[in-house]
């Protein structure tokens, strides 16, 4: 363990920084169509081109699925093309593949 001087001559142990790991492995969805729901209700779909551990996403050929003006909880058949977008990870609520889903093991349960 490394020690750091605090300016007063005292030595304090320095905690080694752990690299943040994401619990989602999105690499298997690279260059595949995904659908993303955001906080605030917006939904978009596009080709996953990149991501990072904070779930910032880069989508290409992206379309936004528009909501019904009379009922904001209901999607319409109308879409709006957005092209290449960067989605901020803090606003991502849900990510799912457009071509179906599969069951995964719960990453929060210890597998013994």
PDB file of N, CA and C in Angstrom:
ATOM      1  N   UNK A   1       0.850  -1.172   0.000  1.00  0.00           N
ATOM      2  CA  UNK A   1       0.000   0.000   0.000  1.00  0.00           C
ATOM      3  C   UNK A   1       0.896   1.235   0.000  1.00  0.00           C
ATOM      4  N   UNK A   2       0.567   2.196  -0.833  1.00  0.00           N
ATOM      5  CA  UNK A   2       1.351   3.422  -0.933  1.00  0.00           C
ATOM      6  C   UNK A   2       0.926   4.397   0.166  1.00  0.00           C
ATOM      7  N   UNK A   3       1.865   5.231   0.602  1.00  0.00           N
ATOM      8  CA  UNK A   3       1.581   6.248   1.611  1.00  0.00           C
ATOM      9  C   UNK A   3       1.727   7.628   0.989  1.00  0.00           C
ATOM     10  N   UNK A   4       0.906   8.553   1.454  1.00  0.00           N
ATOM     11  CA  UNK A   4       0.911   9.920   0.936  1.00  0.00           C
ATOM     12  C   UNK A   4       1.054  10.874   2.112  1.00  0.00           C
ATOM     13  N   UNK A   5       1.885  11.878   1.940  1.00  0.00           N
ATOM     14  CA  UNK A   5       2.022  12.905   2.982  1.00  0.00           C
ATOM     15  C   UNK A   5       0.896  13.911   2.808  1.00  0.00           C
ATOM     16  N   UNK A   6       0.302  14.312   3.930  1.00  0.00           N
ATOM     17  CA  UNK A   6      -0.832  15.216   3.863  1.00  0.00           C
ATOM     18  C   UNK A   6      -0.450  16.689   4.008  1.00  0.00           C
ATOM     19  N   UNK A   7       0.825  16.993   3.935  1.00  0.00           N
ATOM     20  CA  UNK A   7       1.261  18.380   4.045  1.00  0.00           C
ATOM     21  C   UNK A   7       1.680  18.747   5.450  1.00  0.00           C
ATOM     22  N   UNK A   8       1.336  17.933   6.413  1.00  0.00           N
ATOM     23  CA  UNK A   8       1.692  18.192   7.805  1.00  0.00           C
ATOM     24  C   UNK A   8       2.786  17.231   8.276  1.00  0.00           C
ATOM     25  N   UNK A   9       3.322  16.471   7.340  1.00  0.00           N
ATOM     26  CA  UNK A   9       4.369  15.525   7.687  1.00  0.00           C
ATOM     27  C   UNK A   9       3.833  14.152   8.044  1.00  0.00           C
ATOM     28  N   UNK A  10       2.520  14.012   8.166  1.00  0.00           N
ATOM     29  CA  UNK A  10       1.936  12.713   8.498  1.00  0.00           C
ATOM     30  C   UNK A  10       1.781  11.881   7.238  1.00  0.00           C
ATOM     31  N   UNK A  11       1.861  10.584   7.420  1.00  0.00           N
ATOM     32  CA  UNK A  11       1.661   9.691   6.287  1.00  0.00           C
ATOM     33  C   UNK A  11       0.314   9.011   6.430  1.00  0.00           C
ATOM     34  N   UNK A  12      -0.450   9.006   5.356  1.00  0.00           N
ATOM     35  CA  UNK A  12      -1.742   8.336   5.333  1.00  0.00           C
ATOM     36  C   UNK A  12      -1.729   7.292   4.237  1.00  0.00           C
ATOM     37  N   UNK A  13      -2.328   6.122   4.498  1.00  0.00           N
ATOM     38  CA  UNK A  13      -2.390   5.127   3.429  1.00  0.00           C
ATOM     39  C   UNK A  13      -3.303   5.601   2.304  1.00  0.00           C
ATOM     40  N   UNK A  14      -2.851   5.387   1.107  1.00  0.00           N
ATOM     41  CA  UNK A  14      -3.630   5.788  -0.067  1.00  0.00           C
ATOM     42  C   UNK A  14      -4.341   4.556  -0.618  1.00  0.00           C
ATOM     43  N   UNK A  15      -5.633   4.668  -0.777  1.00  0.00           N
ATOM     44  CA  UNK A  15      -6.411   3.556  -1.329  1.00  0.00           C
ATOM     45  C   UNK A  15      -6.124   3.453  -2.821  1.00  0.00           C
ATOM     46  N   UNK A  16      -5.882   2.226  -3.265  1.00  0.00           N
ATOM     47  CA  UNK A  16      -5.680   2.033  -4.700  1.00  0.00           C
ATOM     48  C   UNK A  16      -7.033   2.133  -5.386  1.00  0.00           C
ATOM     49  N   UNK A  17      -7.072   2.888  -6.470  1.00  0.00           N
ATOM     50  CA  UNK A  17      -8.329   3.088  -7.182  1.00  0.00           C
ATOM     51  C   UNK A  17      -8.653   1.834  -7.988  1.00  0.00           C
ATOM     52  N   UNK A  18      -9.872   1.357  -7.819  1.00  0.00           N
ATOM     53  CA  UNK A  18     -10.330   0.218  -8.583  1.00  0.00           C
ATOM     54  C   UNK A  18     -10.899   0.718  -9.897  1.00  0.00           C
ATOM     55  N   UNK A  19     -10.639  -0.016 -10.959  1.00  0.00           N
ATOM     56  CA  UNK A  19     -11.203   0.335 -12.249  1.00  0.00           C
ATOM     57  C   UNK A  19     -12.683  -0.027 -12.239  1.00  0.00           C
ATOM     58  N   UNK A  20     -13.525   0.908 -12.647  1.00  0.00           N
ATOM     59  CA  UNK A  20     -14.955   0.654 -12.654  1.00  0.00           C
ATOM     60  C   UNK A  20     -15.274  -0.348 -13.753  1.00  0.00           C
ATOM     61  N   UNK A  21     -16.067  -1.330 -13.383  1.00  0.00           N
ATOM     62  CA  UNK A  21     -16.504  -2.320 -14.355  1.00  0.00           C
ATOM     63  C   UNK A  21     -18.006  -2.201 -14.512  1.00  0.00           C
ATOM     64  N   UNK A  22     -18.468  -2.349 -15.726  1.00  0.00           N
ATOM     65  CA  UNK A  22     -19.890  -2.316 -15.973  1.00  0.00           C
ATOM     66  C   UNK A  22     -20.448  -3.717 -15.811  1.00  0.00           C
ATOM     67  N   UNK A  23     -21.691  -3.823 -15.335  1.00  0.00           N
ATOM     68  CA  UNK A  23     -22.288  -5.139 -15.188  1.00  0.00           C
ATOM     69  C   UNK A  23     -22.917  -5.602 -16.494  1.00  0.00           C
ATOM     70  N   UNK A  24     -23.048  -4.696 -17.459  1.00  0.00           N
ATOM     71  CA  UNK A  24     -23.608  -5.048 -18.759  1.00  0.00           C
ATOM     72  C   UNK A  24     -22.491  -5.246 -19.770  1.00  0.00           C
ATOM     73  N   UNK A  25     -22.575  -6.331 -20.516  1.00  0.00           N
ATOM     74  CA  UNK A  25     -21.619  -6.560 -21.593  1.00  0.00           C
ATOM     75  C   UNK A  25     -22.324  -6.267 -22.907  1.00  0.00           C
ATOM     76  N   UNK A  26     -22.172  -5.045 -23.385  1.00  0.00           N
ATOM     77  CA  UNK A  26     -22.845  -4.637 -24.615  1.00  0.00           C
ATOM     78  C   UNK A  26     -22.040  -4.979 -25.858  1.00  0.00           C
ATOM     79  N   UNK A  27     -20.863  -5.564 -25.697  1.00  0.00           N
ATOM     80  CA  UNK A  27     -20.020  -5.843 -26.861  1.00  0.00           C
ATOM     81  C   UNK A  27     -20.676  -6.825 -27.828  1.00  0.00           C
ATOM     82  N   UNK A  28     -21.539  -7.703 -27.325  1.00  0.00           N
ATOM     83  CA  UNK A  28     -22.203  -8.653 -28.227  1.00  0.00           C
ATOM     84  C   UNK A  28     -23.287  -7.973 -29.069  1.00  0.00           C
ATOM     85  N   UNK A  29     -23.642  -6.732 -28.728  1.00  0.00           N
ATOM     86  CA  UNK A  29     -24.629  -5.985 -29.509  1.00  0.00           C
ATOM     87  C   UNK A  29     -23.998  -4.940 -30.429  1.00  0.00           C
ATOM     88  N   UNK A  30     -22.668  -4.931 -30.500  1.00  0.00           N
ATOM     89  CA  UNK A  30     -21.992  -3.987 -31.395  1.00  0.00           C
ATOM     90  C   UNK A  30     -22.428  -4.239 -32.839  1.00  0.00           C
ATOM     91  N   UNK A  31     -22.678  -3.168 -33.566  1.00  0.00           N
ATOM     92  CA  UNK A  31     -23.127  -3.201 -34.964  1.00  0.00           C
ATOM     93  C   UNK A  31     -24.449  -3.943 -35.144  1.00  0.00           C
ATOM     94  N   UNK A  32     -25.254  -3.964 -34.078  1.00  0.00           N
ATOM     95  CA  UNK A  32     -26.603  -4.537 -34.155  1.00  0.00           C
ATOM     96  C   UNK A  32     -27.587  -3.472 -33.697  1.00  0.00           C
ATOM     97  N   UNK A  33     -28.827  -3.624 -34.143  1.00  0.00           N
ATOM     98  CA  UNK A  33     -29.869  -2.658 -33.771  1.00  0.00           C
ATOM     99  C   UNK A  33     -30.311  -2.879 -32.334  1.00  0.00           C
ATOM    100  N   UNK A  34     -30.364  -1.778 -31.579  1.00  0.00           N
ATOM    101  CA  UNK A  34     -30.864  -1.817 -30.212  1.00  0.00           C
ATOM    102  C   UNK A  34     -31.915  -0.725 -30.043  1.00  0.00           C
ATOM    103  N   UNK A  35     -32.699  -0.864 -28.998  1.00  0.00           N
ATOM    104  CA  UNK A  35     -33.695   0.150 -28.661  1.00  0.00           C
ATOM    105  C   UNK A  35     -33.364   0.665 -27.275  1.00  0.00           C
ATOM    106  N   UNK A  36     -33.449   1.978 -27.088  1.00  0.00           N
ATOM    107  CA  UNK A  36     -33.059   2.609 -25.829  1.00  0.00           C
ATOM    108  C   UNK A  36     -34.214   3.472 -25.330  1.00  0.00           C
ATOM    109  N   UNK A  37     -34.527   3.305 -24.027  1.00  0.00           N
ATOM    110  CA  UNK A  37     -35.510   4.185 -23.385  1.00  0.00           C
ATOM    111  C   UNK A  37     -34.749   5.114 -22.457  1.00  0.00           C
ATOM    112  N   UNK A  38     -35.177   6.371 -22.427  1.00  0.00           N
ATOM    113  CA  UNK A  38     -34.509   7.405 -21.641  1.00  0.00           C
ATOM    114  C   UNK A  38     -35.425   7.914 -20.548  1.00  0.00           C
ATOM    115  N   UNK A  39     -34.809   8.458 -19.485  1.00  0.00           N
ATOM    116  CA  UNK A  39     -35.615   9.121 -18.462  1.00  0.00           C
ATOM    117  C   UNK A  39     -36.284  10.316 -19.131  1.00  0.00           C
ATOM    118  N   UNK A  40     -37.515  10.536 -18.804  1.00  0.00           N
ATOM    119  CA  UNK A  40     -38.277  11.589 -19.467  1.00  0.00           C
ATOM    120  C   UNK A  40     -39.212  11.023 -20.508  1.00  0.00           C
ATOM    121  N   UNK A  41     -39.056   9.731 -20.862  1.00  0.00           N
ATOM    122  CA  UNK A  41     -40.010   9.083 -21.741  1.00  0.00           C
ATOM    123  C   UNK A  41     -39.609   8.894 -23.187  1.00  0.00           C
ATOM    124  N   UNK A  42     -38.530   9.498 -23.641  1.00  0.00           N
ATOM    125  CA  UNK A  42     -38.146   9.334 -25.042  1.00  0.00           C
ATOM    126  C   UNK A  42     -37.643   7.925 -25.312  1.00  0.00           C
ATOM    127  N   UNK A  43     -37.839   7.474 -26.562  1.00  0.00           N
ATOM    128  CA  UNK A  43     -37.322   6.180 -27.001  1.00  0.00           C
ATOM    129  C   UNK A  43     -36.658   6.364 -28.354  1.00  0.00           C
ATOM    130  N   UNK A  44     -35.580   5.632 -28.550  1.00  0.00           N
ATOM    131  CA  UNK A  44     -34.859   5.693 -29.820  1.00  0.00           C
ATOM    132  C   UNK A  44     -34.306   4.312 -30.134  1.00  0.00           C
ATOM    133  N   UNK A  45     -34.034   4.096 -31.399  1.00  0.00           N
ATOM    134  CA  UNK A  45     -33.432   2.837 -31.832  1.00  0.00           C
ATOM    135  C   UNK A  45     -32.387   3.127 -32.876  1.00  0.00           C
ATOM    136  N   UNK A  46     -31.335   2.313 -32.882  1.00  0.00           N
ATOM    137  CA  UNK A  46     -30.281   2.498 -33.871  1.00  0.00           C
ATOM    138  C   UNK A  46     -29.225   1.428 -33.753  1.00  0.00           C
ATOM    139  N   UNK A  47     -28.198   1.569 -34.571  1.00  0.00           N
ATOM    140  CA  UNK A  47     -27.088   0.632 -34.644  1.00  0.00           C
ATOM    141  C   UNK A  47     -26.046   1.014 -33.597  1.00  0.00           C
ATOM    142  N   UNK A  48     -25.757   0.110 -32.668  1.00  0.00           N
ATOM    143  CA  UNK A  48     -24.790   0.396 -31.609  1.00  0.00           C
ATOM    144  C   UNK A  48     -23.385   0.426 -32.192  1.00  0.00           C
ATOM    145  N   UNK A  49     -22.731   1.575 -32.093  1.00  0.00           N
ATOM    146  CA  UNK A  49     -21.376   1.746 -32.616  1.00  0.00           C
ATOM    147  C   UNK A  49     -20.335   1.848 -31.524  1.00  0.00           C
ATOM    148  N   UNK A  50     -20.747   2.192 -30.299  1.00  0.00           N
ATOM    149  CA  UNK A  50     -19.788   2.307 -29.211  1.00  0.00           C
ATOM    150  C   UNK A  50     -20.473   2.532 -27.889  1.00  0.00           C
ATOM    151  N   UNK A  51     -19.729   2.247 -26.794  1.00  0.00           N
ATOM    152  CA  UNK A  51     -20.250   2.441 -25.444  1.00  0.00           C
ATOM    153  C   UNK A  51     -19.082   2.516 -24.481  1.00  0.00           C
ATOM    154  N   UNK A  52     -19.352   2.942 -23.256  1.00  0.00           N
ATOM    155  CA  UNK A  52     -18.327   2.956 -22.213  1.00  0.00           C
ATOM    156  C   UNK A  52     -18.944   2.435 -20.919  1.00  0.00           C
ATOM    157  N   UNK A  53     -18.160   2.282 -19.850  1.00  0.00           N
ATOM    158  CA  UNK A  53     -18.705   1.726 -18.601  1.00  0.00           C
ATOM    159  C   UNK A  53     -19.819   2.557 -17.963  1.00  0.00           C
ATOM    160  N   UNK A  54     -19.923   3.823 -18.322  1.00  0.00           N
ATOM    161  CA  UNK A  54     -20.991   4.676 -17.778  1.00  0.00           C
ATOM    162  C   UNK A  54     -22.271   4.595 -18.600  1.00  0.00           C
ATOM    163  N   UNK A  55     -22.299   3.706 -19.589  1.00  0.00           N
ATOM    164  CA  UNK A  55     -23.417   3.500 -20.508  1.00  0.00           C
ATOM    165  C   UNK A  55     -23.677   4.675 -21.433  1.00  0.00           C
ATOM    166  N   UNK A  56     -22.664   5.507 -21.675  1.00  0.00           N
ATOM    167  CA  UNK A  56     -22.762   6.461 -22.770  1.00  0.00           C
ATOM    168  C   UNK A  56     -22.748   5.619 -24.037  1.00  0.00           C
ATOM    169  N   UNK A  57     -23.675   5.899 -24.949  1.00  0.00           N
ATOM    170  CA  UNK A  57     -23.828   5.086 -26.148  1.00  0.00           C
ATOM    171  C   UNK A  57     -23.638   5.931 -27.396  1.00  0.00           C
ATOM    172  N   UNK A  58     -23.083   5.323 -28.424  1.00  0.00           N
ATOM    173  CA  UNK A  58     -23.015   5.940 -29.748  1.00  0.00           C
ATOM    174  C   UNK A  58     -23.885   5.086 -30.656  1.00  0.00           C
ATOM    175  N   UNK A  59     -24.923   5.707 -31.231  1.00  0.00           N
ATOM    176  CA  UNK A  59     -25.840   5.011 -32.129  1.00  0.00           C
ATOM    177  C   UNK A  59     -25.796   5.658 -33.498  1.00  0.00           C
ATOM    178  N   UNK A  60     -25.854   4.819 -34.537  1.00  0.00           N
ATOM    179  CA  UNK A  60     -25.883   5.312 -35.911  1.00  0.00           C
ATOM    180  C   UNK A  60     -27.218   4.924 -36.539  1.00  0.00           C
ATOM    181  N   UNK A  61     -27.618   5.650 -37.568  1.00  0.00           N
ATOM    182  CA  UNK A  61     -28.919   5.445 -38.231  1.00  0.00           C
ATOM    183  C   UNK A  61     -30.041   5.438 -37.200  1.00  0.00           C
ATOM    184  N   UNK A  62     -29.989   6.369 -36.275  1.00  0.00           N
ATOM    185  CA  UNK A  62     -30.923   6.406 -35.156  1.00  0.00           C
ATOM    186  C   UNK A  62     -32.245   7.038 -35.565  1.00  0.00           C
ATOM    187  N   UNK A  63     -33.328   6.464 -35.054  1.00  0.00           N
ATOM    188  CA  UNK A  63     -34.657   7.048 -35.219  1.00  0.00           C
ATOM    189  C   UNK A  63     -35.284   7.191 -33.841  1.00  0.00           C
ATOM    190  N   UNK A  64     -36.005   8.282 -33.648  1.00  0.00           N
ATOM    191  CA  UNK A  64     -36.737   8.501 -32.414  1.00  0.00           C
ATOM    192  C   UNK A  64     -38.177   8.087 -32.639  1.00  0.00           C
ATOM    193  N   UNK A  65     -38.741   7.344 -31.702  1.00  0.00           N
ATOM    194  CA  UNK A  65     -40.131   6.934 -31.769  1.00  0.00           C
ATOM    195  C   UNK A  65     -40.958   8.002 -31.064  1.00  0.00           C
ATOM    196  N   UNK A  66     -41.857   8.626 -31.816  1.00  0.00           N
ATOM    197  CA  UNK A  66     -42.603   9.772 -31.304  1.00  0.00           C
ATOM    198  C   UNK A  66     -43.822   9.335 -30.511  1.00  0.00           C
ATOM    199  N   UNK A  67     -44.189  10.157 -29.544  1.00  0.00           N
ATOM    200  CA  UNK A  67     -45.324   9.888 -28.663  1.00  0.00           C
ATOM    201  C   UNK A  67     -46.589  10.570 -29.170  1.00  0.00           C
ATOM    202  N   UNK A  68     -47.705  10.041 -28.739  1.00  0.00           N
ATOM    203  CA  UNK A  68     -49.005  10.613 -29.065  1.00  0.00           C
ATOM    204  C   UNK A  68     -49.150  11.936 -28.314  1.00  0.00           C
ATOM    205  N   UNK A  69     -49.476  13.047 -28.995  1.00  0.00           N
ATOM    206  CA  UNK A  69     -49.604  14.333 -28.295  1.00  0.00           C
ATOM    207  C   UNK A  69     -50.742  14.347 -27.267  1.00  0.00           C
ATOM    208  N   UNK A  70     -51.778  13.514 -27.475  1.00  0.00           N
ATOM    209  CA  UNK A  70     -52.892  13.464 -26.533  1.00  0.00           C
ATOM    210  C   UNK A  70     -52.590  12.576 -25.325  1.00  0.00           C
ATOM    211  N   UNK A  71     -51.767  11.537 -25.520  1.00  0.00           N
ATOM    212  CA  UNK A  71     -51.425  10.602 -24.442  1.00  0.00           C
ATOM    213  C   UNK A  71     -49.910  10.396 -24.456  1.00  0.00           C
ATOM    214  N   UNK A  72     -49.167  11.103 -23.588  1.00  0.00           N
ATOM    215  CA  UNK A  72     -47.706  11.038 -23.629  1.00  0.00           C
ATOM    216  C   UNK A  72     -47.128   9.667 -23.266  1.00  0.00           C
ATOM    217  N   UNK A  73     -47.962   8.745 -22.750  1.00  0.00           N
ATOM    218  CA  UNK A  73     -47.475   7.408 -22.415  1.00  0.00           C
ATOM    219  C   UNK A  73     -47.632   6.432 -23.571  1.00  0.00           C
ATOM    220  N   UNK A  74     -48.201   6.880 -24.678  1.00  0.00           N
ATOM    221  CA  UNK A  74     -48.483   6.000 -25.810  1.00  0.00           C
ATOM    222  C   UNK A  74     -47.600   6.372 -26.999  1.00  0.00           C
ATOM    223  N   UNK A  75     -46.921   5.367 -27.556  1.00  0.00           N
ATOM    224  CA  UNK A  75     -46.105   5.593 -28.758  1.00  0.00           C
ATOM    225  C   UNK A  75     -46.991   5.565 -29.991  1.00  0.00           C
ATOM    226  N   UNK A  76     -46.599   6.324 -31.000  1.00  0.00           N
ATOM    227  CA  UNK A  76     -47.296   6.290 -32.285  1.00  0.00           C
ATOM    228  C   UNK A  76     -46.431   5.535 -33.289  1.00  0.00           C
ATOM    229  N   UNK A  77     -46.918   5.413 -34.495  1.00  0.00           N
ATOM    230  CA  UNK A  77     -46.151   4.769 -35.562  1.00  0.00           C
ATOM    231  C   UNK A  77     -45.179   5.746 -36.216  1.00  0.00           C
ATOM    232  N   UNK A  78     -45.230   7.006 -35.812  1.00  0.00           N
ATOM    233  CA  UNK A  78     -44.394   8.036 -36.411  1.00  0.00           C
ATOM    234  C   UNK A  78     -42.983   8.008 -35.811  1.00  0.00           C
ATOM    235  N   UNK A  79     -41.996   8.225 -36.660  1.00  0.00           N
ATOM    236  CA  UNK A  79     -40.602   8.283 -36.216  1.00  0.00           C
ATOM    237  C   UNK A  79     -39.951   9.543 -36.759  1.00  0.00           C
ATOM    238  N   UNK A  80     -38.835   9.890 -36.174  1.00  0.00           N
ATOM    239  CA  UNK A  80     -38.060  11.045 -36.620  1.00  0.00           C
ATOM    240  C   UNK A  80     -36.611  10.590 -36.775  1.00  0.00           C
ATOM    241  N   UNK A  81     -36.016  10.732 -37.961  1.00  0.00           N
ATOM    242  CA  UNK A  81     -34.617  10.307 -38.134  1.00  0.00           C
ATOM    243  C   UNK A  81     -33.658  11.262 -37.415  1.00  0.00           C
ATOM    244  N   UNK A  82     -32.695  10.691 -36.693  1.00  0.00           N
ATOM    245  CA  UNK A  82     -31.716  11.499 -35.961  1.00  0.00           C
ATOM    246  C   UNK A  82     -30.296  11.312 -36.484  1.00  0.00           C
ATOM    247  N   UNK A  83     -30.023  10.199 -37.155  1.00  0.00           N
ATOM    248  CA  UNK A  83     -28.676   9.946 -37.681  1.00  0.00           C
ATOM    249  C   UNK A  83     -27.733   9.427 -36.612  1.00  0.00           C
ATOM    250  N   UNK A  84     -26.521   9.983 -36.552  1.00  0.00           N
ATOM    251  CA  UNK A  84     -25.503   9.577 -35.588  1.00  0.00           C
ATOM    252  C   UNK A  84     -25.691  10.377 -34.303  1.00  0.00           C
ATOM    253  N   UNK A  85     -25.869   9.672 -33.170  1.00  0.00           N
ATOM    254  CA  UNK A  85     -26.108  10.359 -31.902  1.00  0.00           C
ATOM    255  C   UNK A  85     -25.233   9.767 -30.801  1.00  0.00           C
ATOM    256  N   UNK A  86     -24.976  10.589 -29.789  1.00  0.00           N
ATOM    257  CA  UNK A  86     -24.331  10.143 -28.558  1.00  0.00           C
ATOM    258  C   UNK A  86     -25.375  10.257 -27.454  1.00  0.00           C
ATOM    259  N   UNK A  87     -25.659   9.143 -26.796  1.00  0.00           N
ATOM    260  CA  UNK A  87     -26.658   9.108 -25.730  1.00  0.00           C
ATOM    261  C   UNK A  87     -25.934   9.144 -24.393  1.00  0.00           C
ATOM    262  N   UNK A  88     -26.273  10.091 -23.573  1.00  0.00           N
ATOM    263  CA  UNK A  88     -25.641  10.225 -22.259  1.00  0.00           C
ATOM    264  C   UNK A  88     -26.119   9.102 -21.337  1.00  0.00           C
ATOM    265  N   UNK A  89     -25.183   8.414 -20.729  1.00  0.00           N
ATOM    266  CA  UNK A  89     -25.490   7.235 -19.924  1.00  0.00           C
ATOM    267  C   UNK A  89     -26.356   7.505 -18.719  1.00  0.00           C
ATOM    268  N   UNK A  90     -26.288   8.714 -18.158  1.00  0.00           N
ATOM    269  CA  UNK A  90     -27.089   9.004 -16.967  1.00  0.00           C
ATOM    270  C   UNK A  90     -28.575   9.076 -17.277  1.00  0.00           C
ATOM    271  N   UNK A  91     -28.933   9.256 -18.542  1.00  0.00           N
ATOM    272  CA  UNK A  91     -30.350   9.331 -18.894  1.00  0.00           C
ATOM    273  C   UNK A  91     -30.882   8.018 -19.466  1.00  0.00           C
ATOM    274  N   UNK A  92     -30.017   7.025 -19.660  1.00  0.00           N
ATOM    275  CA  UNK A  92     -30.447   5.729 -20.189  1.00  0.00           C
ATOM    276  C   UNK A  92     -31.149   4.948 -19.087  1.00  0.00           C
ATOM    277  N   UNK A  93     -32.372   4.498 -19.381  1.00  0.00           N
ATOM    278  CA  UNK A  93     -33.142   3.716 -18.421  1.00  0.00           C
ATOM    279  C   UNK A  93     -33.156   2.247 -18.814  1.00  0.00           C
ATOM    280  N   UNK A  94     -33.269   1.961 -20.122  1.00  0.00           N
ATOM    281  CA  UNK A  94     -33.404   0.591 -20.590  1.00  0.00           C
ATOM    282  C   UNK A  94     -32.733   0.442 -21.942  1.00  0.00           C
ATOM    283  N   UNK A  95     -32.058  -0.687 -22.138  1.00  0.00           N
ATOM    284  CA  UNK A  95     -31.448  -1.029 -23.420  1.00  0.00           C
ATOM    285  C   UNK A  95     -31.901  -2.436 -23.765  1.00  0.00           C
ATOM    286  N   UNK A  96     -32.421  -2.620 -24.969  1.00  0.00           N
ATOM    287  CA  UNK A  96     -32.805  -3.971 -25.386  1.00  0.00           C
ATOM    288  C   UNK A  96     -32.510  -4.140 -26.873  1.00  0.00           C
ATOM    289  N   UNK A  97     -32.202  -5.369 -27.279  1.00  0.00           N
ATOM    290  CA  UNK A  97     -31.970  -5.610 -28.702  1.00  0.00           C
ATOM    291  C   UNK A  97     -33.281  -5.500 -29.473  1.00  0.00           C
ATOM    292  N   UNK A  98     -33.214  -5.021 -30.695  1.00  0.00           N
ATOM    293  CA  UNK A  98     -34.423  -4.871 -31.500  1.00  0.00           C
ATOM    294  C   UNK A  98     -34.925  -6.206 -32.028  1.00  0.00           C
ATOM    295  N   UNK A  99     -34.030  -7.180 -32.160  1.00  0.00           N
ATOM    296  CA  UNK A  99     -34.415  -8.457 -32.763  1.00  0.00           C
ATOM    297  C   UNK A  99     -34.763  -9.534 -31.737  1.00  0.00           C
ATOM    298  N   UNK A 100     -35.070  -9.154 -30.504  1.00  0.00           N
ATOM    299  CA  UNK A 100     -35.473 -10.137 -29.504  1.00  0.00           C
ATOM    300  C   UNK A 100     -34.595 -10.086 -28.279  1.00  0.00           C
ATOM    301  N   UNK A 101     -34.988 -10.828 -27.268  1.00  0.00           N
ATOM    302  CA  UNK A 101     -34.256 -10.828 -26.014  1.00  0.00           C
ATOM    303  C   UNK A 101     -33.978 -12.262 -25.584  1.00  0.00           C
ATOM    304  N   UNK A 102     -33.023 -12.401 -24.683  1.00  0.00           N
ATOM    305  CA  UNK A 102     -32.715 -13.700 -24.117  1.00  0.00           C
ATOM    306  C   UNK A 102     -32.530 -13.535 -22.615  1.00  0.00           C
ATOM    307  N   UNK A 103     -32.786 -14.596 -21.877  1.00  0.00           N
ATOM    308  CA  UNK A 103     -32.644 -14.542 -20.425  1.00  0.00           C
ATOM    309  C   UNK A 103     -31.168 -14.575 -20.047  1.00  0.00           C
ATOM    310  N   UNK A 104     -30.802 -13.787 -19.022  1.00  0.00           N
ATOM    311  CA  UNK A 104     -29.431 -13.790 -18.521  1.00  0.00           C
ATOM    312  C   UNK A 104     -29.463 -14.077 -17.033  1.00  0.00           C
ATOM    313  N   UNK A 105     -28.326 -14.478 -16.480  1.00  0.00           N
ATOM    314  CA  UNK A 105     -28.227 -14.694 -15.046  1.00  0.00           C
ATOM    315  C   UNK A 105     -28.207 -13.353 -14.345  1.00  0.00           C
ATOM    316  N   UNK A 106     -28.784 -13.314 -13.160  1.00  0.00           N
ATOM    317  CA  UNK A 106     -28.804 -12.094 -12.360  1.00  0.00           C
ATOM    318  C   UNK A 106     -27.391 -11.810 -11.865  1.00  0.00           C
ATOM    319  N   UNK A 107     -26.776 -10.666 -12.240  1.00  0.00           N
ATOM    320  CA  UNK A 107     -25.396 -10.387 -11.828  1.00  0.00           C
ATOM    321  C   UNK A 107     -25.272 -10.000 -10.359  1.00  0.00           C
ATOM    322  N   UNK A 108     -26.387  -9.778  -9.664  1.00  0.00           N
ATOM    323  CA  UNK A 108     -26.345  -9.357  -8.276  1.00  0.00           C
ATOM    324  C   UNK A 108     -26.441 -10.532  -7.291  1.00  0.00           C
ATOM    325  N   UNK A 109     -26.705 -11.727  -7.818  1.00  0.00           N
ATOM    326  CA  UNK A 109     -26.791 -12.904  -6.965  1.00  0.00           C
ATOM    327  C   UNK A 109     -25.471 -13.656  -7.047  1.00  0.00           C
ATOM    328  N   UNK A 110     -24.907 -14.010  -5.877  1.00  0.00           N
ATOM    329  CA  UNK A 110     -23.670 -14.780  -5.871  1.00  0.00           C
ATOM    330  C   UNK A 110     -23.934 -16.179  -6.392  1.00  0.00           C
ATOM    331  N   UNK A 111     -23.222 -16.540  -7.451  1.00  0.00           N
ATOM    332  CA  UNK A 111     -23.349 -17.874  -8.033  1.00  0.00           C
ATOM    333  C   UNK A 111     -22.326 -18.775  -7.361  1.00  0.00           C
ATOM    334  N   UNK A 112     -22.772 -19.725  -6.559  1.00  0.00           N
ATOM    335  CA  UNK A 112     -21.839 -20.606  -5.852  1.00  0.00           C
ATOM    336  C   UNK A 112     -21.787 -21.962  -6.467  1.00  0.00           C
TER     337      UNK A 112
END
